[in-house]
Amino acid sequence: MTTKAVTEFFDKSPSGAYDERNRKLAPISDNLHFLTGLALKGLPADARILCVGVGTGAEILGLAHAYPGWTFDGVEPSAAMLDDCRKRLDQAQLLSRCQLFKGYLSEFVSTQKYDAVLCVLVMHFVRDISERAKMFQDMAGRLNPGGMLVNAEISYDLSAEKFPDILEKWKQVQILMGATQESLDQLPKMLRDQLLILPPAKTEELIRAAGFSEAIQFFQSFLIHAWYARK
């Protein structure tokens, strides 16, 4: 699945349904957002944050109330997701602290430098590894010296002996999100053919190669891993 195909999928899928499915995973996402906030705690009181693949705004909503001086730029190629994001931020009275841009990171033209870049549950959709490497480089280039990256993605060594066992646990997550038996049966093929799932060590290598310090893993929930790194 190309990044364009992913965008078309999200444009055709009701974003409300997407949020409803993910709401059942609130214990996972809430913990990820909580730990992300702690990882970024040393940023300036007036930090500017870039959210790559902002979706419906979950990362902004998870951080903005805890850090009232922070402002946010969100980049999102799906018009449907971005519209829903704007509505949610408006309802939360946060829209005045945010700027939203439709498009891919590579299309986002700005001279703004950021104190942190967040890329949450996006990278596994980028099937071209060279494109993924360029995205990490692009994010590094948009940071102030000492700025931080937070990256979360589905990551595992699919050839590992332990993979079949954790896959069974991951199916329980999919069931909570409304997966059918047919989609569960297709899950191994989807992970291999529609996404690009890299082992954690390879993701850490890409982050370092983009000019970041050692990537530090601070979160894991079955197949979801998250790291922070400093420029």
C-alpha atoms as a PDB file:
ATOM      1  CA  MET A   1       0.000   0.000   0.000  1.00  0.00           C
ATOM      2  CA  THR A   2       1.527   3.326  -1.051  1.00  0.00           C
ATOM      3  CA  THR A   3       1.262   6.456   1.075  1.00  0.00           C
ATOM      4  CA  LYS A   4      -1.119   7.832  -1.569  1.00  0.00           C
ATOM      5  CA  ALA A   5      -3.319   4.744  -1.238  1.00  0.00           C
ATOM      6  CA  VAL A   6      -3.346   5.162   2.536  1.00  0.00           C
ATOM      7  CA  THR A   7      -4.457   8.779   2.153  1.00  0.00           C
ATOM      8  CA  GLU A   8      -7.266   7.750  -0.207  1.00  0.00           C
ATOM      9  CA  PHE A   9      -8.367   5.089   2.298  1.00  0.00           C
ATOM     10  CA  PHE A  10      -8.598   7.602   5.142  1.00  0.00           C
ATOM     11  CA  ASP A  11     -10.340  10.131   2.891  1.00  0.00           C
ATOM     12  CA  LYS A  12     -13.012   7.546   2.033  1.00  0.00           C
ATOM     13  CA  SER A  13     -13.387   6.235   5.593  1.00  0.00           C
ATOM     14  CA  PRO A  14     -15.526   8.254   8.031  1.00  0.00           C
ATOM     15  CA  SER A  15     -13.088   9.807  10.491  1.00  0.00           C
ATOM     16  CA  GLY A  16     -15.718   9.491  13.215  1.00  0.00           C
ATOM     17  CA  ALA A  17     -15.678   5.729  12.759  1.00  0.00           C
ATOM     18  CA  TYR A  18     -11.882   5.803  12.940  1.00  0.00           C
ATOM     19  CA  ASP A  19     -12.064   7.672  16.255  1.00  0.00           C
ATOM     20  CA  GLU A  20     -14.721   5.288  17.572  1.00  0.00           C
ATOM     21  CA  ARG A  21     -12.544   2.256  16.846  1.00  0.00           C
ATOM     22  CA  ASN A  22      -9.520   3.873  18.462  1.00  0.00           C
ATOM     23  CA  ARG A  23     -11.503   4.981  21.500  1.00  0.00           C
ATOM     24  CA  LYS A  24     -11.628   1.356  22.579  1.00  0.00           C
ATOM     25  CA  LEU A  25      -7.836   1.461  22.755  1.00  0.00           C
ATOM     26  CA  ALA A  26      -7.793   4.476  25.066  1.00  0.00           C
ATOM     27  CA  PRO A  27      -5.739   2.664  27.758  1.00  0.00           C
ATOM     28  CA  ILE A  28      -2.945   2.266  25.194  1.00  0.00           C
ATOM     29  CA  SER A  29      -3.152   5.696  23.565  1.00  0.00           C
ATOM     30  CA  ASP A  30      -3.628   7.555  26.857  1.00  0.00           C
ATOM     31  CA  ASN A  31      -0.496   5.942  28.263  1.00  0.00           C
ATOM     32  CA  LEU A  32       1.481   6.764  25.107  1.00  0.00           C
ATOM     33  CA  HIS A  33       0.373  10.406  25.236  1.00  0.00           C
ATOM     34  CA  PHE A  34       1.087  10.612  28.977  1.00  0.00           C
ATOM     35  CA  LEU A  35       4.622   9.255  28.557  1.00  0.00           C
ATOM     36  CA  THR A  36       5.207  11.464  25.501  1.00  0.00           C
ATOM     37  CA  GLY A  37       4.372  14.488  27.620  1.00  0.00           C
ATOM     38  CA  LEU A  38       6.866  13.374  30.261  1.00  0.00           C
ATOM     39  CA  ALA A  39       9.557  12.723  27.623  1.00  0.00           C
ATOM     40  CA  LEU A  40       9.087  16.286  26.333  1.00  0.00           C
ATOM     41  CA  LYS A  41       8.811  17.892  29.758  1.00  0.00           C
ATOM     42  CA  GLY A  42      12.113  19.780  29.468  1.00  0.00           C
ATOM     43  CA  LEU A  43      11.033  21.779  26.413  1.00  0.00           C
ATOM     44  CA  PRO A  44      10.599  25.579  26.669  1.00  0.00           C
ATOM     45  CA  ALA A  45       7.342  26.875  28.139  1.00  0.00           C
ATOM     46  CA  ASP A  46       6.547  28.423  24.733  1.00  0.00           C
ATOM     47  CA  ALA A  47       7.624  25.407  22.650  1.00  0.00           C
ATOM     48  CA  ARG A  48       6.441  24.998  19.063  1.00  0.00           C
ATOM     49  CA  ILE A  49       5.545  21.414  18.156  1.00  0.00           C
ATOM     50  CA  LEU A  50       5.199  19.869  14.683  1.00  0.00           C
ATOM     51  CA  CYS A  51       2.822  16.893  14.402  1.00  0.00           C
ATOM     52  CA  VAL A  52       3.440  14.807  11.276  1.00  0.00           C
ATOM     53  CA  GLY A  53       0.346  12.866  10.256  1.00  0.00           C
ATOM     54  CA  VAL A  54      -1.721  14.725  12.847  1.00  0.00           C
ATOM     55  CA  GLY A  55      -4.830  12.678  12.000  1.00  0.00           C
ATOM     56  CA  THR A  56      -7.778  13.755  14.123  1.00  0.00           C
ATOM     57  CA  GLY A  57      -5.584  15.625  16.595  1.00  0.00           C
ATOM     58  CA  ALA A  58      -5.085  13.081  19.381  1.00  0.00           C
ATOM     59  CA  GLU A  59      -1.468  14.098  20.058  1.00  0.00           C
ATOM     60  CA  ILE A  60      -2.334  17.793  20.286  1.00  0.00           C
ATOM     61  CA  LEU A  61      -5.300  17.085  22.544  1.00  0.00           C
ATOM     62  CA  GLY A  62      -3.062  14.922  24.714  1.00  0.00           C
ATOM     63  CA  LEU A  63      -0.448  17.644  25.216  1.00  0.00           C
ATOM     64  CA  ALA A  64      -2.083  21.056  24.864  1.00  0.00           C
ATOM     65  CA  HIS A  65      -3.896  21.146  28.208  1.00  0.00           C
ATOM     66  CA  ALA A  66      -0.820  19.937  30.094  1.00  0.00           C
ATOM     67  CA  TYR A  67       1.381  22.589  28.452  1.00  0.00           C
ATOM     68  CA  PRO A  68      -0.738  25.725  27.963  1.00  0.00           C
ATOM     69  CA  GLY A  69       2.128  27.739  26.464  1.00  0.00           C
ATOM     70  CA  TRP A  70       2.849  25.310  23.640  1.00  0.00           C
ATOM     71  CA  THR A  71       1.664  25.885  20.080  1.00  0.00           C
ATOM     72  CA  PHE A  72       1.259  23.285  17.364  1.00  0.00           C
ATOM     73  CA  ASP A  73       1.514  22.837  13.610  1.00  0.00           C
ATOM     74  CA  GLY A  74      -0.194  19.751  12.201  1.00  0.00           C
ATOM     75  CA  VAL A  75       0.494  18.234   8.774  1.00  0.00           C
ATOM     76  CA  GLU A  76      -1.991  15.694   7.382  1.00  0.00           C
ATOM     77  CA  PRO A  77      -2.600  14.514   3.794  1.00  0.00           C
ATOM     78  CA  SER A  78      -6.157  13.270   4.411  1.00  0.00           C
ATOM     79  CA  ALA A  79      -8.745  16.034   4.029  1.00  0.00           C
ATOM     80  CA  ALA A  80     -11.342  14.039   6.001  1.00  0.00           C
ATOM     81  CA  MET A  81      -9.000  13.537   8.937  1.00  0.00           C
ATOM     82  CA  LEU A  82      -7.897  17.163   8.900  1.00  0.00           C
ATOM     83  CA  ASP A  83     -11.491  18.436   8.902  1.00  0.00           C
ATOM     84  CA  ASP A  84     -12.264  16.281  11.921  1.00  0.00           C
ATOM     85  CA  CYS A  85      -9.065  17.432  13.614  1.00  0.00           C
ATOM     86  CA  ARG A  86     -10.057  21.067  13.150  1.00  0.00           C
ATOM     87  CA  LYS A  87     -13.513  20.411  14.635  1.00  0.00           C
ATOM     88  CA  ARG A  88     -12.105  18.590  17.653  1.00  0.00           C
ATOM     89  CA  LEU A  89      -9.555  21.308  18.366  1.00  0.00           C
ATOM     90  CA  ASP A  90     -12.238  23.974  18.020  1.00  0.00           C
ATOM     91  CA  GLN A  91     -14.520  22.132  20.450  1.00  0.00           C
ATOM     92  CA  ALA A  92     -11.633  21.903  22.915  1.00  0.00           C
ATOM     93  CA  GLN A  93     -10.944  25.649  22.469  1.00  0.00           C
ATOM     94  CA  LEU A  94      -7.437  24.898  21.230  1.00  0.00           C
ATOM     95  CA  LEU A  95      -7.684  25.926  17.589  1.00  0.00           C
ATOM     96  CA  SER A  96      -6.163  29.363  18.234  1.00  0.00           C
ATOM     97  CA  ARG A  97      -2.916  27.641  19.285  1.00  0.00           C
ATOM     98  CA  CYS A  98      -2.739  25.455  16.168  1.00  0.00           C
ATOM     99  CA  GLN A  99      -2.073  25.719  12.455  1.00  0.00           C
ATOM    100  CA  LEU A 100      -3.145  22.844  10.215  1.00  0.00           C
ATOM    101  CA  PHE A 101      -1.767  22.056   6.752  1.00  0.00           C
ATOM    102  CA  LYS A 102      -3.140  19.575   4.219  1.00  0.00           C
ATOM    103  CA  GLY A 103      -0.411  17.569   2.511  1.00  0.00           C
ATOM    104  CA  TYR A 104       2.613  15.413   3.118  1.00  0.00           C
ATOM    105  CA  LEU A 105       5.617  16.488   5.171  1.00  0.00           C
ATOM    106  CA  SER A 106       7.669  16.814   1.959  1.00  0.00           C
ATOM    107  CA  GLU A 107       5.102  19.349   0.668  1.00  0.00           C
ATOM    108  CA  PHE A 108       5.017  21.423   3.848  1.00  0.00           C
ATOM    109  CA  VAL A 109       6.935  24.640   3.177  1.00  0.00           C
ATOM    110  CA  SER A 110       7.840  26.592   6.302  1.00  0.00           C
ATOM    111  CA  THR A 111      10.815  28.460   7.736  1.00  0.00           C
ATOM    112  CA  GLN A 112       9.580  27.686  11.248  1.00  0.00           C
ATOM    113  CA  LYS A 113      11.958  25.744  13.472  1.00  0.00           C
ATOM    114  CA  TYR A 114      10.444  23.470  16.094  1.00  0.00           C
ATOM    115  CA  ASP A 115      11.315  22.338  19.579  1.00  0.00           C
ATOM    116  CA  ALA A 116       9.844  18.882  18.934  1.00  0.00           C
ATOM    117  CA  VAL A 117       8.459  16.800  16.077  1.00  0.00           C
ATOM    118  CA  LEU A 118       5.908  14.073  16.761  1.00  0.00           C
ATOM    119  CA  CYS A 119       5.324  11.243  14.298  1.00  0.00           C
ATOM    120  CA  VAL A 120       2.846   8.860  15.907  1.00  0.00           C
ATOM    121  CA  LEU A 121       1.630   5.680  14.180  1.00  0.00           C
ATOM    122  CA  VAL A 122       2.579   6.952  10.736  1.00  0.00           C
ATOM    123  CA  MET A 123       5.871   5.379   9.662  1.00  0.00           C
ATOM    124  CA  HIS A 124       4.629   1.821   9.186  1.00  0.00           C
ATOM    125  CA  PHE A 125       2.447   3.120   6.326  1.00  0.00           C
ATOM    126  CA  VAL A 126       5.566   4.348   4.446  1.00  0.00           C
ATOM    127  CA  ARG A 127       6.543   1.258   2.479  1.00  0.00           C
ATOM    128  CA  ASP A 128       9.610   2.700   0.738  1.00  0.00           C
ATOM    129  CA  ILE A 129      12.488   2.556   3.204  1.00  0.00           C
ATOM    130  CA  SER A 130      14.383   5.341   1.423  1.00  0.00           C
ATOM    131  CA  GLU A 131      11.288   7.548   1.716  1.00  0.00           C
ATOM    132  CA  ARG A 132      11.127   6.705   5.391  1.00  0.00           C
ATOM    133  CA  ALA A 133      14.791   7.664   5.831  1.00  0.00           C
ATOM    134  CA  LYS A 134      14.113  10.987   4.050  1.00  0.00           C
ATOM    135  CA  MET A 135      11.190  11.684   6.374  1.00  0.00           C
ATOM    136  CA  PHE A 136      13.419  11.285   9.430  1.00  0.00           C
ATOM    137  CA  GLN A 137      15.987  13.588   7.784  1.00  0.00           C
ATOM    138  CA  ASP A 138      13.279  16.133   6.964  1.00  0.00           C
ATOM    139  CA  MET A 139      12.023  16.101  10.547  1.00  0.00           C
ATOM    140  CA  ALA A 140      15.563  16.564  11.865  1.00  0.00           C
ATOM    141  CA  GLY A 141      16.048  19.531   9.539  1.00  0.00           C
ATOM    142  CA  ARG A 142      12.993  21.285  10.955  1.00  0.00           C
ATOM    143  CA  LEU A 143      14.178  21.127  14.574  1.00  0.00           C
ATOM    144  CA  ASN A 144      16.012  23.692  16.639  1.00  0.00           C
ATOM    145  CA  PRO A 145      19.399  22.515  17.959  1.00  0.00           C
ATOM    146  CA  GLY A 146      18.652  20.151  20.813  1.00  0.00           C
ATOM    147  CA  GLY A 147      15.071  19.666  19.591  1.00  0.00           C
ATOM    148  CA  MET A 148      13.377  16.325  20.127  1.00  0.00           C
ATOM    149  CA  LEU A 149      11.770  13.662  17.970  1.00  0.00           C
ATOM    150  CA  VAL A 150       9.060  11.325  19.232  1.00  0.00           C
ATOM    151  CA  ASN A 151       8.328   8.475  16.851  1.00  0.00           C
ATOM    152  CA  ALA A 152       5.813   5.669  17.430  1.00  0.00           C
ATOM    153  CA  GLU A 153       5.113   2.894  14.954  1.00  0.00           C
ATOM    154  CA  ILE A 154       4.232  -0.762  14.603  1.00  0.00           C
ATOM    155  CA  SER A 155       7.645  -2.381  14.825  1.00  0.00           C
ATOM    156  CA  TYR A 156       8.780  -5.986  15.223  1.00  0.00           C
ATOM    157  CA  ASP A 157      11.037  -8.574  13.655  1.00  0.00           C
ATOM    158  CA  LEU A 158       8.449 -10.537  11.677  1.00  0.00           C
ATOM    159  CA  SER A 159      10.931 -13.378  11.198  1.00  0.00           C
ATOM    160  CA  ALA A 160      11.587 -13.780  14.932  1.00  0.00           C
ATOM    161  CA  GLU A 161      10.687 -17.021  16.681  1.00  0.00           C
ATOM    162  CA  LYS A 162       8.536 -15.077  19.127  1.00  0.00           C
ATOM    163  CA  PHE A 163       6.502 -13.266  16.468  1.00  0.00           C
ATOM    164  CA  PRO A 164       3.663 -15.851  16.132  1.00  0.00           C
ATOM    165  CA  ASP A 165       3.011 -15.621  19.867  1.00  0.00           C
ATOM    166  CA  ILE A 166       2.844 -11.827  20.035  1.00  0.00           C
ATOM    167  CA  LEU A 167       0.784 -11.807  16.838  1.00  0.00           C
ATOM    168  CA  GLU A 168      -1.895 -13.746  18.714  1.00  0.00           C
ATOM    169  CA  LYS A 169      -1.866 -11.037  21.394  1.00  0.00           C
ATOM    170  CA  TRP A 170      -2.036  -8.344  18.712  1.00  0.00           C
ATOM    171  CA  LYS A 171      -5.160 -10.005  17.340  1.00  0.00           C
ATOM    172  CA  GLN A 172      -6.866  -9.210  20.650  1.00  0.00           C
ATOM    173  CA  VAL A 173      -6.194  -5.532  19.968  1.00  0.00           C
ATOM    174  CA  GLN A 174      -7.720  -5.893  16.510  1.00  0.00           C
ATOM    175  CA  ILE A 175     -10.790  -7.609  17.970  1.00  0.00           C
ATOM    176  CA  LEU A 176     -11.335  -4.620  20.264  1.00  0.00           C
ATOM    177  CA  MET A 177     -11.283  -2.460  17.134  1.00  0.00           C
ATOM    178  CA  GLY A 178     -14.007  -4.544  15.507  1.00  0.00           C
ATOM    179  CA  ALA A 179     -11.942  -6.957  13.394  1.00  0.00           C
ATOM    180  CA  THR A 180     -13.800  -9.778  11.667  1.00  0.00           C
ATOM    181  CA  GLN A 181     -12.518 -13.346  11.544  1.00  0.00           C
ATOM    182  CA  GLU A 182     -11.639 -12.796   7.893  1.00  0.00           C
ATOM    183  CA  SER A 183      -9.528  -9.742   8.678  1.00  0.00           C
ATOM    184  CA  LEU A 184      -7.829 -11.609  11.546  1.00  0.00           C
ATOM    185  CA  ASP A 185      -6.949 -14.433   9.165  1.00  0.00           C
ATOM    186  CA  GLN A 186      -5.452 -11.869   6.759  1.00  0.00           C
ATOM    187  CA  LEU A 187      -3.522 -10.018   9.468  1.00  0.00           C
ATOM    188  CA  PRO A 188      -0.108 -11.688   8.906  1.00  0.00           C
ATOM    189  CA  LYS A 189      -0.334 -10.970   5.160  1.00  0.00           C
ATOM    190  CA  MET A 190      -1.430  -7.381   5.810  1.00  0.00           C
ATOM    191  CA  LEU A 191       1.517  -6.767   8.154  1.00  0.00           C
ATOM    192  CA  ARG A 192       3.928  -8.144   5.545  1.00  0.00           C
ATOM    193  CA  ASP A 193       2.413  -6.867   2.292  1.00  0.00           C
ATOM    194  CA  GLN A 194       0.437  -3.681   3.009  1.00  0.00           C
ATOM    195  CA  LEU A 195       2.717  -2.110   5.617  1.00  0.00           C
ATOM    196  CA  LEU A 196       6.470  -1.977   6.107  1.00  0.00           C
ATOM    197  CA  ILE A 197       7.123  -3.366   9.573  1.00  0.00           C
ATOM    198  CA  LEU A 198      10.758  -2.989  10.579  1.00  0.00           C
ATOM    199  CA  PRO A 199      12.544  -4.512  13.564  1.00  0.00           C
ATOM    200  CA  PRO A 200      13.107  -1.944  16.340  1.00  0.00           C
ATOM    201  CA  ALA A 201      16.870  -1.998  15.748  1.00  0.00           C
ATOM    202  CA  LYS A 202      16.375  -0.945  12.111  1.00  0.00           C
ATOM    203  CA  THR A 203      14.107   1.953  13.082  1.00  0.00           C
ATOM    204  CA  GLU A 204      16.700   3.085  15.624  1.00  0.00           C
ATOM    205  CA  GLU A 205      19.353   2.904  12.912  1.00  0.00           C
ATOM    206  CA  LEU A 206      17.279   5.145  10.589  1.00  0.00           C
ATOM    207  CA  ILE A 207      16.758   7.678  13.379  1.00  0.00           C
ATOM    208  CA  ARG A 208      20.495   7.845  14.141  1.00  0.00           C
ATOM    209  CA  ALA A 209      21.362   8.124  10.441  1.00  0.00           C
ATOM    210  CA  ALA A 210      19.069  11.160  10.158  1.00  0.00           C
ATOM    211  CA  GLY A 211      21.244  13.082  12.627  1.00  0.00           C
ATOM    212  CA  PHE A 212      19.632  12.265  15.951  1.00  0.00           C
ATOM    213  CA  SER A 213      21.245  11.001  19.121  1.00  0.00           C
ATOM    214  CA  GLU A 214      20.704   7.445  20.251  1.00  0.00           C
ATOM    215  CA  ALA A 215      16.983   6.638  20.010  1.00  0.00           C
ATOM    216  CA  ILE A 216      15.634   5.691  23.428  1.00  0.00           C
ATOM    217  CA  GLN A 217      12.622   3.391  23.525  1.00  0.00           C
ATOM    218  CA  PHE A 218      10.192   4.575  26.178  1.00  0.00           C
ATOM    219  CA  PHE A 219       7.020   2.680  25.286  1.00  0.00           C
ATOM    220  CA  GLN A 220       5.874  -0.695  24.002  1.00  0.00           C
ATOM    221  CA  SER A 221       2.378  -2.108  23.729  1.00  0.00           C
ATOM    222  CA  PHE A 222       2.557  -5.458  21.920  1.00  0.00           C
ATOM    223  CA  LEU A 223       3.660  -4.419  18.382  1.00  0.00           C
ATOM    224  CA  ILE A 224       3.600  -0.646  18.990  1.00  0.00           C
ATOM    225  CA  HIS A 225       6.966   0.835  19.950  1.00  0.00           C
ATOM    226  CA  ALA A 226       7.852   4.471  20.649  1.00  0.00           C
ATOM    227  CA  TRP A 227      11.203   6.273  20.923  1.00  0.00           C
ATOM    228  CA  TYR A 228      12.482   9.726  21.674  1.00  0.00           C
ATOM    229  CA  ALA A 229      15.736  11.155  20.360  1.00  0.00           C
ATOM    230  CA  ARG A 230      17.448  14.528  20.435  1.00  0.00           C
ATOM    231  CA  LYS A 231      18.945  16.389  17.473  1.00  0.00           C
END
